[in-house]
Protein backbone atom coordinates (compact mmCIF):
# COMPACT_ATOMS: atom_id res chain seq x y z
CA UNK A 1 -0.08 0.32 -0.45
CA UNK A 2 2.77 2.71 1.16
CA UNK A 3 4.48 1.40 -2.31
CA UNK A 4 1.53 1.93 -4.24
CA UNK A 5 0.77 5.35 -2.53
CA UNK A 6 4.66 6.55 -3.42
CA UNK A 7 4.70 6.02 -7.11
CA UNK A 8 1.34 7.82 -7.43
CA UNK A 9 2.76 10.61 -5.26
CA UNK A 10 5.86 10.70 -7.67
CA UNK A 11 3.74 10.21 -10.72
CA UNK A 12 1.59 13.64 -9.89
CA UNK A 13 4.97 15.23 -8.86
CA UNK A 14 6.48 14.39 -12.34
CA UNK A 15 3.07 15.69 -13.78
CA UNK A 16 3.01 19.36 -12.54
CA UNK A 17 6.53 19.66 -12.82
CA UNK A 18 5.64 19.38 -16.74
CA UNK A 19 3.03 21.36 -16.29
CA UNK A 20 5.11 24.13 -14.64
CA UNK A 21 7.63 23.47 -17.43
CA UNK A 22 5.49 24.25 -20.29
CA UNK A 23 3.73 27.43 -18.17
CA UNK A 24 7.21 29.01 -18.43
CA UNK A 25 7.89 28.12 -22.15
CA UNK A 26 4.62 29.64 -23.14
CA UNK A 27 5.48 32.76 -20.78
CA UNK A 28 8.75 33.28 -22.30
CA UNK A 29 7.40 32.83 -25.56
CA UNK A 30 4.66 35.09 -24.95
CA UNK A 31 7.06 38.06 -23.29
CA UNK A 32 9.44 37.51 -26.06
CA UNK A 33 6.96 37.97 -29.07
CA UNK A 34 5.36 41.09 -26.82
CA UNK A 35 8.92 42.12 -27.03
CA UNK A 36 8.97 41.91 -30.91
CA UNK A 37 5.75 43.00 -31.39
CA UNK A 38 6.55 46.64 -29.77
CA UNK A 39 9.85 46.67 -31.51
CA UNK A 40 8.13 46.16 -34.85
CA UNK A 41 4.93 48.62 -33.77
CA UNK A 42 7.63 51.45 -33.22
CA UNK A 43 9.98 50.74 -36.57
CA UNK A 44 6.68 50.96 -38.53
CA UNK A 45 5.55 54.57 -36.28
CA UNK A 46 9.11 55.96 -36.58
CA UNK A 47 9.19 55.26 -40.43
CA UNK A 48 6.36 57.13 -40.93
CA UNK A 49 6.80 59.64 -38.88
CA UNK A 50 9.95 60.63 -41.15
CA UNK A 51 7.91 60.13 -43.69
CA UNK A 52 5.51 62.50 -43.04
CA UNK A 53 8.20 64.80 -41.77
CA UNK A 54 9.68 64.57 -45.29
CA UNK A 55 6.62 65.42 -47.11
CA UNK A 56 5.72 68.44 -45.24
CA UNK A 57 8.93 69.42 -45.27
CA UNK A 58 8.48 69.72 -49.06
CA UNK A 59 5.37 70.73 -49.10
CA UNK A 60 6.23 73.85 -46.85
CA UNK A 61 9.57 74.45 -48.86
CA UNK A 62 8.06 74.46 -52.16
CA UNK A 63 4.86 76.80 -50.99
CA UNK A 64 7.46 79.15 -49.37
CA UNK A 65 10.16 79.02 -52.32
CA UNK A 66 8.33 78.84 -55.41
CA UNK A 67 11.23 79.76 -57.87
CA UNK A 68 13.14 76.76 -56.23
CA UNK A 69 12.03 73.64 -58.16
CA UNK A 70 12.26 70.33 -58.75
CA UNK A 71 13.81 69.57 -54.95
CA UNK A 72 14.92 66.73 -53.43
CA UNK A 73 15.71 65.92 -49.99
CA UNK A 74 19.27 64.53 -49.49
CA UNK A 75 21.01 62.71 -46.35
CA UNK A 76 24.52 63.29 -46.20
CA UNK A 77 27.32 62.26 -43.69
CA UNK A 78 31.11 61.66 -44.08
CA UNK A 79 34.75 62.64 -42.34
CA UNK A 80 36.29 66.11 -42.53
CA UNK A 81 39.64 66.60 -41.93
CA UNK A 82 40.37 70.50 -40.26
CA UNK A 83 43.41 72.31 -39.10
CA UNK A 84 43.72 75.98 -37.30
CA UNK A 85 46.55 78.16 -38.38
CA UNK A 86 47.18 80.57 -35.75
CA UNK A 87 49.34 84.15 -35.11
CA UNK A 88 49.00 85.14 -31.56
CA UNK A 89 50.73 88.69 -32.08
CA UNK A 90 50.37 90.78 -29.39
CA UNK A 91 47.77 88.55 -27.24
CA UNK A 92 49.04 88.54 -23.65
CA UNK A 93 47.36 86.72 -20.48
CA UNK A 94 48.52 85.54 -17.33
CA UNK A 95 48.95 82.15 -18.38
CA UNK A 96 51.61 80.40 -20.71
CA UNK A 97 51.34 77.18 -22.46
CA UNK A 98 53.93 75.24 -23.71
CA UNK A 99 53.35 74.50 -27.68
CA UNK A 100 52.74 71.63 -29.28
CA UNK A 101 53.03 71.76 -32.95
CA UNK A 102 49.85 69.46 -34.68
CA UNK A 103 50.55 70.46 -37.76
CA UNK A 104 48.23 68.29 -39.56
CA UNK A 105 44.70 67.58 -40.95
CA UNK A 106 42.79 65.53 -38.13
CA UNK A 107 39.64 63.87 -38.84
CA UNK A 108 36.30 64.40 -37.16
CA UNK A 109 32.33 63.91 -38.81
CA UNK A 110 30.01 65.71 -40.74
CA UNK A 111 26.58 64.34 -41.01
CA UNK A 112 23.37 66.37 -41.92
CA UNK A 113 20.78 67.27 -44.82
CA UNK A 114 20.85 69.22 -47.96
CA UNK A 115 18.26 70.25 -50.17
CA UNK A 116 19.21 70.17 -54.25
CA UNK A 117 17.17 72.18 -57.05
CA UNK A 118 16.95 74.50 -59.60
CA UNK A 119 16.24 77.96 -59.36
CA UNK A 120 13.65 79.15 -61.69
CA UNK A 121 13.93 75.73 -64.19
CA UNK A 122 17.12 76.81 -64.91
CA UNK A 123 20.29 77.06 -62.34
CA UNK A 124 20.70 74.18 -59.86
CA UNK A 125 21.59 74.88 -56.17
CA UNK A 126 22.22 72.94 -53.15
CA UNK A 127 21.24 74.20 -49.59
CA UNK A 128 23.09 72.09 -47.03
CA UNK A 129 22.66 71.93 -42.98
CA UNK A 130 24.89 70.31 -41.34
CA UNK A 131 26.57 69.35 -37.76
CA UNK A 132 30.46 69.34 -37.86
CA UNK A 133 32.73 67.34 -34.79
CA UNK A 134 36.08 69.25 -35.66
CA UNK A 135 39.34 67.70 -34.03
CA UNK A 136 41.48 70.43 -35.42
CA UNK A 137 45.05 69.95 -35.84
CA UNK A 138 47.23 73.20 -34.41
CA UNK A 139 50.05 75.07 -36.58
CA UNK A 140 51.28 77.94 -34.70
CA UNK A 141 53.35 80.43 -36.57
CA UNK A 142 55.00 82.07 -33.87
CA UNK A 143 55.77 81.19 -30.79
CA UNK A 144 57.95 83.03 -27.82
CA UNK A 145 60.86 81.29 -25.83
CA UNK A 146 60.67 81.05 -21.85
CA UNK A 147 64.00 80.72 -20.29
CA UNK A 148 65.78 78.67 -18.59
CA UNK A 149 62.88 76.14 -20.23
CA UNK A 150 63.26 74.98 -23.76
CA UNK A 151 61.00 74.40 -25.90
CA UNK A 152 58.37 76.86 -27.81
CA UNK A 153 55.37 78.76 -26.04
CA UNK A 154 52.44 81.07 -26.52
CA UNK A 155 50.15 82.89 -24.14
CA UNK A 156 47.25 81.58 -26.28
CA UNK A 157 45.91 77.97 -26.25
CA UNK A 158 43.80 76.84 -28.99
CA UNK A 159 41.23 74.70 -28.54
CA UNK A 160 41.10 71.62 -30.93
CA UNK A 161 37.28 69.96 -30.24
CA UNK A 162 34.55 72.08 -31.33
CA UNK A 163 30.95 71.67 -32.85
CA UNK A 164 28.72 73.28 -34.67
CA UNK A 165 25.81 73.66 -37.04
CA UNK A 166 26.84 74.90 -40.48
CA UNK A 167 24.61 76.30 -43.19
CA UNK A 168 26.08 76.40 -46.82
CA UNK A 169 24.34 78.15 -49.97
CA UNK A 170 26.01 75.97 -53.03
CA UNK A 171 25.61 76.80 -56.92
CA UNK A 172 26.49 73.40 -59.12
CA UNK A 173 27.98 73.49 -62.52
CA UNK A 174 27.38 70.54 -64.71
CA UNK A 175 30.11 68.97 -66.43
CA UNK A 176 30.34 67.21 -68.70
CA UNK A 177 31.50 63.26 -68.29
CA UNK A 178 32.94 62.71 -71.64
CA UNK A 179 35.56 65.24 -70.94
CA UNK A 180 36.63 63.81 -67.78
CA UNK A 181 36.48 60.22 -68.45
CA UNK A 182 35.91 58.07 -71.72
CA UNK A 183 33.08 56.10 -71.01
CA UNK A 184 30.62 54.44 -73.38
CA UNK A 185 27.20 56.05 -70.89
CA UNK A 186 27.94 59.11 -69.96
CA UNK A 187 24.01 59.68 -69.52
CA UNK A 188 23.87 57.52 -66.07
CA UNK A 189 27.34 59.68 -64.65
CA UNK A 190 27.13 63.29 -63.45
CA UNK A 191 30.40 65.24 -62.52
CA UNK A 192 29.64 68.79 -60.69
CA UNK A 193 32.19 71.47 -59.38
CA UNK A 194 30.03 73.44 -56.88
CA UNK A 195 30.90 76.67 -54.77
CA UNK A 196 29.14 79.04 -52.08
CA UNK A 197 29.56 80.75 -48.98
CA UNK A 198 29.46 78.91 -45.42
CA UNK A 199 28.33 79.41 -42.01
CA UNK A 200 29.47 78.21 -39.19
CA UNK A 201 27.25 78.42 -35.53
CA UNK A 202 29.64 77.50 -32.84
CA UNK A 203 27.78 75.36 -30.67
CA UNK A 204 30.13 73.75 -28.35
CA UNK A 205 31.80 75.75 -25.19
CA UNK A 206 35.34 77.23 -25.48
CA UNK A 207 37.74 75.57 -23.50
CA UNK A 208 38.41 77.18 -19.70
CA UNK A 209 41.47 79.01 -20.60
CA UNK A 210 40.07 80.69 -23.36
CA UNK A 211 36.35 81.67 -21.55
CA UNK A 212 38.33 83.88 -19.72
CA UNK A 213 38.43 86.52 -22.67
CA UNK A 214 35.81 84.69 -24.68
CA UNK A 215 38.93 84.21 -27.60
CA UNK A 216 36.68 82.29 -29.61
CA UNK A 217 33.87 83.77 -32.33
CA UNK A 218 30.42 82.30 -31.81
CA UNK A 219 29.78 82.33 -36.11
CA UNK A 220 32.43 82.70 -38.50
CA UNK A 221 32.25 82.83 -42.53
CA UNK A 222 33.88 80.52 -44.89
CA UNK A 223 34.43 79.96 -48.39
CA UNK A 224 33.31 76.58 -49.84
CA UNK A 225 34.57 74.97 -53.02
CA UNK A 226 33.88 71.53 -54.31
CA UNK A 227 33.63 68.54 -56.32
CA UNK A 228 30.75 66.16 -57.17
CA UNK A 229 29.98 62.33 -58.62
CA UNK A 230 26.68 61.80 -59.17
CA UNK A 231 26.34 57.86 -60.02
CA UNK A 232 22.68 57.53 -61.61
CA UNK A 233 21.36 58.96 -59.15
CA UNK A 234 21.84 56.31 -56.56
CA UNK A 235 24.31 58.43 -54.51
CA UNK A 236 26.55 61.05 -54.57
CA UNK A 237 30.32 60.73 -53.38
CA UNK A 238 31.35 64.96 -52.71
CA UNK A 239 34.68 66.36 -51.56
CA UNK A 240 34.61 69.88 -50.37
CA UNK A 241 36.68 72.29 -49.15
CA UNK A 242 36.39 75.14 -46.77
CA UNK A 243 38.51 78.42 -46.33
CA UNK A 244 38.30 80.92 -43.75
CA UNK A 245 37.53 84.53 -45.19
CA UNK A 246 38.22 85.70 -41.49
CA UNK A 247 39.91 84.92 -38.39
CA UNK A 248 37.81 82.67 -36.26
CA UNK A 249 39.15 84.00 -32.65
CA UNK A 250 39.07 87.60 -32.01
CA UNK A 251 41.88 90.70 -32.41
CA UNK A 252 44.73 90.52 -31.87
CA UNK A 253 44.89 86.57 -32.53
CA UNK A 254 44.98 85.60 -35.88
CA UNK A 255 43.36 82.14 -36.75
CA UNK A 256 42.27 80.56 -39.83
CA UNK A 257 39.88 76.92 -39.53
CA UNK A 258 40.89 75.26 -42.95
CA UNK A 259 38.80 71.51 -43.75
CA UNK A 260 38.44 69.04 -46.54
CA UNK A 261 35.44 67.17 -46.25
CA UNK A 262 34.77 63.77 -48.10
CA UNK A 263 31.26 61.86 -47.60
CA UNK A 264 28.11 60.60 -49.16
CA UNK A 265 24.63 61.62 -50.52
CA UNK A 266 21.76 59.84 -51.01
CA UNK A 267 18.25 60.74 -51.48
CA UNK A 268 15.46 60.21 -48.21
CA UNK A 269 12.96 58.96 -50.64
CA UNK A 270 15.81 55.74 -51.39
CA UNK A 271 15.30 55.16 -47.31
CA UNK A 272 12.42 56.12 -46.36
């Protein structure tokens, strides 16, 4: 009797354990499926919002700028390589710094949006709005000695890392591909030379050393020149150069910030 009772009790325990395992598996599957459904729903809503924003932006743009037609919203991203050329001149401060020359173009990044179109159905143009992270190399054109120490010194310490919002207006000049590259089907490929003004608005704070006199300007203007290669409207590769038109620091410090941009443009409509 006791043996039968023990066997029966053991079988009941196994059955209960099996039911618990099945319940746990079902629960895990339910939680997992709920997480996947939430992610898919979020992805769908995000994509819909992007498409909605692009349509509203294009509609507003076309309404506000009647003569600017055939507009395409482009997404752009790439790397920038920047350098500062500095002359401290007669600048003095209570601080003195050992100069570490970095006369090289150092890499950062650029990302943003660009609107390409035609003005009055005749003149191709582009308006770009980008965020630029600079990690500029520093080239001191003049330094001073401090005895009895060896090396070069300056009262001004350049800020290498900075973040800025850039706005650029470009005129695009189409160059016939057949004049540059002998290819069979030149209708698929287009080369452009672009040029125009570029305005940077500094978003990052200055280094502690420069906050005393606010040495860096909040905004600075540069000339923008570049070449672009359009591969059958699938993507565009760009190589641009920006040259300072004035000092990015206040007098008497003269600082020229120049950089190269290398990256790619893709139509937003091809992604969303």
